[in-house]
Amino acid sequence: MAVTTQFIVQPYRLNKRGKLEAEPAVAASSAENAKQRAQKLSDSRAGVIAFQIAVDAEMGDYGEPVTLARYGTLPEEMD
């Protein structure tokens, strides 16, 4: 199987203790679609990041994520 590019939007919310918590990731159809979804979600979430990643599902290999857009507060490892 060939390497494919996946586009992901990862929203975050603040839990009851005020800590960031990841919500389920959302798949997007393109880089532009991921950016648009991230921007829309940013109005109602503590933070959102959109990224793309190269995936070889057959081999289980993942490339380095490339950030497309970021909004709000994100976990420290994403800074």
Protein backbone atom coordinates (compact mmCIF):
# COMPACT_ATOMS: atom_id res chain seq x y z
CA MET A 1 0.00 0.00 0.00
CA ALA A 2 1.18 3.50 -0.77
CA VAL A 3 1.82 6.28 1.66
CA THR A 4 -1.22 8.54 2.05
CA THR A 5 -1.66 11.94 3.65
CA GLN A 6 -4.26 12.24 6.38
CA PHE A 7 -5.69 15.57 7.52
CA ILE A 8 -6.71 15.74 11.17
CA VAL A 9 -8.41 18.36 13.35
CA GLN A 10 -7.81 17.87 17.09
CA PRO A 11 -10.01 19.96 19.42
CA TYR A 12 -9.34 20.45 23.14
CA ARG A 13 -11.66 21.49 25.95
CA LEU A 14 -11.12 22.45 29.55
CA ASN A 15 -12.28 19.76 31.98
CA LYS A 16 -13.91 20.48 35.37
CA ARG A 17 -10.47 20.92 36.93
CA GLY A 18 -9.45 23.46 34.30
CA LYS A 19 -7.03 21.13 32.52
CA LEU A 20 -6.92 20.66 28.77
CA GLU A 21 -8.48 17.44 27.56
CA ALA A 22 -8.48 16.11 24.01
CA GLU A 23 -11.84 15.57 22.37
CA PRO A 24 -12.23 13.00 19.56
CA ALA A 25 -10.17 13.93 16.51
CA VAL A 26 -12.00 14.81 13.30
CA ALA A 27 -10.81 13.68 9.87
CA ALA A 28 -10.79 16.26 7.08
CA SER A 29 -10.74 15.79 3.31
CA SER A 30 -7.95 18.26 2.53
CA ALA A 31 -5.58 20.77 4.11
CA GLU A 32 -8.00 23.61 3.36
CA ASN A 33 -10.93 21.65 4.82
CA ALA A 34 -8.89 20.96 7.98
CA LYS A 35 -8.09 24.66 8.39
CA GLN A 36 -11.74 25.63 7.92
CA ARG A 37 -12.98 23.04 10.42
CA ALA A 38 -10.35 24.11 12.96
CA GLN A 39 -11.36 27.76 12.63
CA LYS A 40 -15.05 26.93 13.12
CA LEU A 41 -14.34 24.74 16.15
CA SER A 42 -12.12 27.40 17.71
CA ASP A 43 -15.19 29.48 18.60
CA SER A 44 -16.43 26.83 21.02
CA ARG A 45 -13.27 25.04 22.19
CA ALA A 46 -10.34 25.96 24.41
CA GLY A 47 -7.96 25.09 21.58
CA VAL A 48 -7.80 23.41 18.20
CA ILE A 49 -4.96 22.23 16.02
CA ALA A 50 -5.17 21.07 12.40
CA PHE A 51 -2.36 19.01 10.97
CA GLN A 52 -1.45 16.63 8.20
CA ILE A 53 0.54 13.44 8.51
CA ALA A 54 1.92 10.91 6.04
CA VAL A 55 0.77 7.38 6.85
CA ASP A 56 1.79 3.98 5.52
CA ALA A 57 -1.03 1.91 7.04
CA GLU A 58 0.37 -1.39 5.79
CA MET A 59 3.71 -0.86 7.51
CA GLY A 60 2.29 1.05 10.47
CA ASP A 61 4.62 3.98 9.77
CA TYR A 62 3.71 7.58 10.50
CA GLY A 63 5.64 10.65 9.39
CA GLU A 64 6.12 13.81 11.39
CA PRO A 65 2.92 15.86 11.69
CA VAL A 66 2.88 19.19 9.85
CA THR A 67 0.82 21.91 11.53
CA LEU A 68 -1.71 23.61 9.26
CA ALA A 69 -3.48 25.85 11.80
CA ARG A 70 -3.63 26.35 15.56
CA TYR A 71 -6.07 28.27 17.71
CA GLY A 72 -6.40 28.96 21.42
CA THR A 73 -4.68 27.06 24.20
CA LEU A 74 -2.93 23.82 23.32
CA PRO A 75 -0.93 21.28 25.36
CA GLU A 76 2.66 22.33 26.04
CA GLU A 77 4.16 19.63 23.81
CA MET A 78 2.50 21.33 20.84
CA ASP A 79 4.12 24.71 21.45
